[in-house]
Amino acid sequence: MGKWGYVGMLAFTVLGSFWLEIAFRVRVLQRIKRALFAIAPVALVFIIWDALAIAHHDWSFDPQQILGIIGPFQIPLEEYLFFLVVPLAAIMTIEAVRRVKPHWHIGDET
């Protein structure tokens, strides 16, 4: 896969879960602001963690497996996308489970 390895994993995640938005009408993308408010604080923690690990040479990204578009804090574009795509996929999955199994409680019911 070469430079497209990380992008390929993100595409697989999108294909594997974003169809739930349509098939089960989970409406996560229709409520994107709500999802982003849930994702942003956690993503920020992991971005800071990545930045520190990169700065201390404890963590790096294989230039052979990324596109080479580097954003703030020397973090590749794919990593920023990861912090958006994977949580959205997880939210879509749990919302689809709620649709299929409404009797399953996950702890945020009122």
N, C-alpha and C. Protein backbone atom coordinates (compact mmCIF):
# COMPACT_ATOMS: atom_id res chain seq x y z
N MET A 1 0.82 -1.20 0.00
CA MET A 1 0.00 0.00 0.00
C MET A 1 0.85 1.26 0.00
N GLY A 2 2.07 1.16 0.51
CA GLY A 2 2.97 2.29 0.48
C GLY A 2 2.44 3.50 1.22
N LYS A 3 2.56 4.66 0.60
CA LYS A 3 2.16 5.91 1.21
C LYS A 3 0.66 5.99 1.51
N TRP A 4 -0.09 5.10 0.93
CA TRP A 4 -1.54 5.11 1.12
C TRP A 4 -1.99 4.17 2.23
N GLY A 5 -1.07 3.59 2.99
CA GLY A 5 -1.41 2.63 4.04
C GLY A 5 -2.34 3.20 5.10
N TYR A 6 -1.97 4.34 5.65
CA TYR A 6 -2.77 4.95 6.71
C TYR A 6 -4.11 5.42 6.14
N VAL A 7 -4.08 6.04 4.97
CA VAL A 7 -5.31 6.49 4.32
C VAL A 7 -6.21 5.29 4.02
N GLY A 8 -5.61 4.18 3.62
CA GLY A 8 -6.38 2.97 3.36
C GLY A 8 -7.09 2.47 4.60
N MET A 9 -6.42 2.51 5.74
CA MET A 9 -7.06 2.10 6.99
C MET A 9 -8.22 3.02 7.33
N LEU A 10 -8.04 4.31 7.12
CA LEU A 10 -9.12 5.26 7.39
C LEU A 10 -10.29 5.02 6.42
N ALA A 11 -9.99 4.76 5.16
CA ALA A 11 -11.05 4.47 4.18
C ALA A 11 -11.80 3.21 4.56
N PHE A 12 -11.09 2.20 5.02
CA PHE A 12 -11.73 0.96 5.47
C PHE A 12 -12.67 1.25 6.65
N THR A 13 -12.24 2.10 7.56
CA THR A 13 -13.07 2.47 8.71
C THR A 13 -14.33 3.19 8.25
N VAL A 14 -14.17 4.11 7.30
CA VAL A 14 -15.32 4.83 6.77
C VAL A 14 -16.29 3.86 6.10
N LEU A 15 -15.77 3.01 5.22
CA LEU A 15 -16.62 2.05 4.52
C LEU A 15 -17.28 1.06 5.47
N GLY A 16 -16.58 0.72 6.52
CA GLY A 16 -17.10 -0.27 7.46
C GLY A 16 -18.15 0.25 8.42
N SER A 17 -18.26 1.56 8.55
CA SER A 17 -19.21 2.06 9.55
C SER A 17 -20.10 3.21 9.08
N PHE A 18 -19.66 4.01 8.13
CA PHE A 18 -20.46 5.18 7.77
C PHE A 18 -21.75 4.79 7.05
N TRP A 19 -21.83 3.58 6.51
CA TRP A 19 -23.07 3.11 5.89
C TRP A 19 -24.19 3.01 6.93
N LEU A 20 -23.81 2.89 8.20
CA LEU A 20 -24.81 2.81 9.28
C LEU A 20 -25.64 4.08 9.35
N GLU A 21 -25.03 5.18 8.98
CA GLU A 21 -25.74 6.47 8.98
C GLU A 21 -26.98 6.40 8.10
N ILE A 22 -26.86 5.73 6.98
CA ILE A 22 -27.97 5.62 6.03
C ILE A 22 -28.86 4.42 6.37
N ALA A 23 -28.25 3.28 6.56
CA ALA A 23 -29.01 2.04 6.75
C ALA A 23 -29.88 2.06 8.00
N PHE A 24 -29.35 2.62 9.08
CA PHE A 24 -30.10 2.61 10.34
C PHE A 24 -30.56 4.00 10.77
N ARG A 25 -30.34 4.97 9.91
CA ARG A 25 -30.75 6.36 10.19
C ARG A 25 -30.33 6.79 11.60
N VAL A 26 -29.05 6.62 11.89
CA VAL A 26 -28.56 6.95 13.23
C VAL A 26 -28.40 8.45 13.45
N ARG A 27 -28.35 9.23 12.36
CA ARG A 27 -28.35 10.69 12.41
C ARG A 27 -27.15 11.30 13.13
N VAL A 28 -26.03 10.61 13.15
CA VAL A 28 -24.83 11.17 13.77
C VAL A 28 -24.32 12.36 12.94
N LEU A 29 -24.28 12.21 11.63
CA LEU A 29 -23.80 13.31 10.79
C LEU A 29 -24.77 14.49 10.77
N GLN A 30 -26.04 14.22 10.98
CA GLN A 30 -27.01 15.31 11.06
C GLN A 30 -26.82 16.10 12.36
N ARG A 31 -26.23 15.46 13.35
CA ARG A 31 -25.95 16.11 14.63
C ARG A 31 -24.44 16.22 14.82
N ILE A 32 -23.75 16.61 13.76
CA ILE A 32 -22.29 16.62 13.77
C ILE A 32 -21.72 17.52 14.85
N LYS A 33 -22.37 18.63 15.12
CA LYS A 33 -21.89 19.55 16.15
C LYS A 33 -21.83 18.84 17.51
N ARG A 34 -22.86 18.09 17.81
CA ARG A 34 -22.90 17.33 19.06
C ARG A 34 -21.77 16.31 19.11
N ALA A 35 -21.57 15.60 18.00
CA ALA A 35 -20.50 14.60 17.94
C ALA A 35 -19.14 15.25 18.10
N LEU A 36 -18.93 16.38 17.44
CA LEU A 36 -17.64 17.06 17.54
C LEU A 36 -17.37 17.57 18.94
N PHE A 37 -18.40 18.01 19.65
CA PHE A 37 -18.22 18.42 21.04
C PHE A 37 -17.81 17.24 21.92
N ALA A 38 -18.27 16.07 21.58
CA ALA A 38 -17.87 14.87 22.33
C ALA A 38 -16.46 14.42 21.96
N ILE A 39 -16.11 14.55 20.69
CA ILE A 39 -14.83 14.06 20.20
C ILE A 39 -13.68 15.03 20.53
N ALA A 40 -13.91 16.31 20.42
CA ALA A 40 -12.84 17.31 20.51
C ALA A 40 -11.99 17.23 21.79
N PRO A 41 -12.58 17.13 22.97
CA PRO A 41 -11.72 17.10 24.17
C PRO A 41 -10.78 15.90 24.21
N VAL A 42 -11.28 14.75 23.80
CA VAL A 42 -10.45 13.54 23.80
C VAL A 42 -9.39 13.63 22.71
N ALA A 43 -9.78 14.11 21.54
CA ALA A 43 -8.83 14.27 20.44
C ALA A 43 -7.72 15.23 20.84
N LEU A 44 -8.07 16.30 21.53
CA LEU A 44 -7.07 17.26 21.96
C LEU A 44 -6.02 16.61 22.88
N VAL A 45 -6.49 15.78 23.80
CA VAL A 45 -5.56 15.07 24.69
C VAL A 45 -4.60 14.20 23.89
N PHE A 46 -5.13 13.46 22.92
CA PHE A 46 -4.29 12.58 22.12
C PHE A 46 -3.37 13.34 21.17
N ILE A 47 -3.81 14.49 20.68
CA ILE A 47 -2.94 15.31 19.84
C ILE A 47 -1.78 15.84 20.67
N ILE A 48 -2.06 16.28 21.88
CA ILE A 48 -0.99 16.74 22.77
C ILE A 48 -0.04 15.59 23.07
N TRP A 49 -0.59 14.43 23.34
CA TRP A 49 0.22 13.24 23.62
C TRP A 49 1.13 12.93 22.42
N ASP A 50 0.54 12.91 21.23
CA ASP A 50 1.32 12.67 20.01
C ASP A 50 2.43 13.71 19.87
N ALA A 51 2.07 14.97 20.05
CA ALA A 51 3.04 16.05 19.88
C ALA A 51 4.21 15.90 20.85
N LEU A 52 3.92 15.59 22.10
CA LEU A 52 4.99 15.40 23.09
C LEU A 52 5.85 14.19 22.75
N ALA A 53 5.22 13.10 22.37
CA ALA A 53 5.96 11.89 22.03
C ALA A 53 6.85 12.11 20.80
N ILE A 54 6.34 12.85 19.82
CA ILE A 54 7.13 13.17 18.63
C ILE A 54 8.30 14.07 19.00
N ALA A 55 8.02 15.09 19.81
CA ALA A 55 9.07 16.04 20.21
C ALA A 55 10.19 15.35 21.00
N HIS A 56 9.83 14.35 21.79
CA HIS A 56 10.81 13.62 22.60
C HIS A 56 11.40 12.41 21.86
N HIS A 57 11.05 12.27 20.60
CA HIS A 57 11.54 11.17 19.75
C HIS A 57 11.16 9.80 20.30
N ASP A 58 10.01 9.75 21.00
CA ASP A 58 9.48 8.47 21.48
C ASP A 58 8.51 7.87 20.47
N TRP A 59 8.07 8.66 19.53
CA TRP A 59 7.04 8.25 18.58
C TRP A 59 7.35 8.87 17.24
N SER A 60 7.10 8.14 16.19
CA SER A 60 7.30 8.69 14.85
C SER A 60 6.35 8.01 13.89
N PHE A 61 6.28 8.56 12.70
CA PHE A 61 5.44 8.01 11.65
C PHE A 61 6.33 7.61 10.49
N ASP A 62 6.12 6.43 9.98
CA ASP A 62 6.93 5.92 8.88
C ASP A 62 6.62 6.72 7.62
N PRO A 63 7.60 7.48 7.11
CA PRO A 63 7.35 8.30 5.93
C PRO A 63 6.95 7.47 4.71
N GLN A 64 7.23 6.18 4.74
CA GLN A 64 6.85 5.30 3.64
C GLN A 64 5.35 4.98 3.66
N GLN A 65 4.68 5.25 4.80
CA GLN A 65 3.28 4.87 4.93
C GLN A 65 2.33 6.03 5.14
N ILE A 66 2.84 7.24 5.00
CA ILE A 66 1.99 8.42 5.10
C ILE A 66 2.17 9.27 3.85
N LEU A 67 1.21 10.16 3.62
CA LEU A 67 1.25 10.99 2.41
C LEU A 67 2.34 12.05 2.45
N GLY A 68 2.78 12.41 3.64
CA GLY A 68 3.82 13.42 3.76
C GLY A 68 3.29 14.81 4.02
N ILE A 69 1.98 14.93 4.22
CA ILE A 69 1.39 16.22 4.57
C ILE A 69 1.45 16.33 6.09
N ILE A 70 2.31 17.20 6.57
CA ILE A 70 2.55 17.32 8.00
C ILE A 70 1.88 18.59 8.51
N GLY A 71 1.10 18.44 9.57
CA GLY A 71 0.39 19.56 10.15
C GLY A 71 1.11 20.11 11.37
N PRO A 72 0.41 20.90 12.15
CA PRO A 72 1.00 21.45 13.36
C PRO A 72 1.54 20.35 14.27
N PHE A 73 2.60 20.67 15.00
CA PHE A 73 3.25 19.77 15.96
C PHE A 73 3.89 18.56 15.29
N GLN A 74 4.16 18.66 13.99
CA GLN A 74 4.81 17.57 13.23
C GLN A 74 3.94 16.31 13.15
N ILE A 75 2.64 16.49 13.26
CA ILE A 75 1.70 15.37 13.19
C ILE A 75 1.16 15.28 11.76
N PRO A 76 1.21 14.08 11.16
CA PRO A 76 0.72 13.94 9.79
C PRO A 76 -0.81 14.11 9.69
N LEU A 77 -1.24 14.53 8.53
CA LEU A 77 -2.66 14.72 8.25
C LEU A 77 -3.47 13.47 8.62
N GLU A 78 -2.95 12.31 8.28
CA GLU A 78 -3.68 11.07 8.54
C GLU A 78 -3.98 10.87 10.02
N GLU A 79 -3.06 11.31 10.88
CA GLU A 79 -3.27 11.17 12.32
C GLU A 79 -4.40 12.08 12.79
N TYR A 80 -4.43 13.30 12.28
CA TYR A 80 -5.54 14.20 12.61
C TYR A 80 -6.87 13.61 12.14
N LEU A 81 -6.88 13.06 10.93
CA LEU A 81 -8.09 12.43 10.42
C LEU A 81 -8.50 11.23 11.26
N PHE A 82 -7.51 10.48 11.74
CA PHE A 82 -7.78 9.33 12.60
C PHE A 82 -8.59 9.76 13.82
N PHE A 83 -8.20 10.88 14.43
CA PHE A 83 -8.87 11.36 15.64
C PHE A 83 -10.29 11.85 15.38
N LEU A 84 -10.65 12.01 14.13
CA LEU A 84 -12.02 12.37 13.75
C LEU A 84 -12.79 11.15 13.25
N VAL A 85 -12.20 10.41 12.33
CA VAL A 85 -12.89 9.29 11.67
C VAL A 85 -13.21 8.16 12.63
N VAL A 86 -12.24 7.73 13.42
CA VAL A 86 -12.46 6.57 14.30
C VAL A 86 -13.52 6.85 15.37
N PRO A 87 -13.48 7.99 16.07
CA PRO A 87 -14.56 8.25 17.02
C PRO A 87 -15.93 8.37 16.35
N LEU A 88 -15.99 9.00 15.18
CA LEU A 88 -17.28 9.07 14.47
C LEU A 88 -17.79 7.67 14.14
N ALA A 89 -16.89 6.80 13.70
CA ALA A 89 -17.28 5.42 13.40
C ALA A 89 -17.79 4.72 14.65
N ALA A 90 -17.13 4.95 15.77
CA ALA A 90 -17.56 4.32 17.03
C ALA A 90 -18.93 4.83 17.45
N ILE A 91 -19.16 6.13 17.33
CA ILE A 91 -20.46 6.70 17.68
C ILE A 91 -21.54 6.14 16.77
N MET A 92 -21.26 6.07 15.47
CA MET A 92 -22.23 5.50 14.54
C MET A 92 -22.54 4.05 14.87
N THR A 93 -21.53 3.31 15.26
CA THR A 93 -21.74 1.90 15.60
C THR A 93 -22.63 1.76 16.82
N ILE A 94 -22.34 2.50 17.88
CA ILE A 94 -23.16 2.37 19.09
C ILE A 94 -24.57 2.87 18.85
N GLU A 95 -24.74 3.89 18.02
CA GLU A 95 -26.09 4.37 17.71
C GLU A 95 -26.85 3.35 16.86
N ALA A 96 -26.16 2.65 15.98
CA ALA A 96 -26.80 1.58 15.19
C ALA A 96 -27.22 0.43 16.10
N VAL A 97 -26.38 0.09 17.07
CA VAL A 97 -26.73 -0.96 18.03
C VAL A 97 -27.97 -0.54 18.81
N ARG A 98 -28.03 0.72 19.21
CA ARG A 98 -29.23 1.22 19.91
C ARG A 98 -30.49 1.04 19.06
N ARG A 99 -30.36 1.30 17.75
CA ARG A 99 -31.51 1.15 16.86
C ARG A 99 -31.98 -0.29 16.76
N VAL A 100 -31.01 -1.19 16.67
CA VAL A 100 -31.33 -2.61 16.49
C VAL A 100 -31.73 -3.27 17.81
N LYS A 101 -31.13 -2.85 18.89
CA LYS A 101 -31.36 -3.43 20.22
C LYS A 101 -31.80 -2.35 21.20
N PRO A 102 -32.99 -1.80 21.04
CA PRO A 102 -33.41 -0.68 21.89
C PRO A 102 -33.50 -1.05 23.38
N HIS A 103 -33.59 -2.33 23.67
CA HIS A 103 -33.67 -2.75 25.07
C HIS A 103 -32.30 -2.81 25.75
N TRP A 104 -31.22 -2.71 24.97
CA TRP A 104 -29.88 -2.68 25.54
C TRP A 104 -29.60 -1.29 26.09
N HIS A 105 -29.20 -1.22 27.31
CA HIS A 105 -28.89 0.07 27.92
C HIS A 105 -27.38 0.28 27.94
N ILE A 106 -26.96 1.47 27.56
CA ILE A 106 -25.52 1.73 27.54
C ILE A 106 -25.10 2.76 28.59
N GLY A 107 -26.06 3.28 29.35
CA GLY A 107 -25.70 4.14 30.47
C GLY A 107 -26.02 5.61 30.33
N ASP A 108 -26.48 6.06 29.16
CA ASP A 108 -26.78 7.48 29.04
C ASP A 108 -28.27 7.76 28.84
N GLU A 109 -29.08 6.74 29.10
CA GLU A 109 -30.51 6.92 28.95
C GLU A 109 -31.03 7.81 30.07
N THR A 110 -32.06 8.58 29.76
CA THR A 110 -32.64 9.44 30.79
C THR A 110 -33.94 8.89 31.30
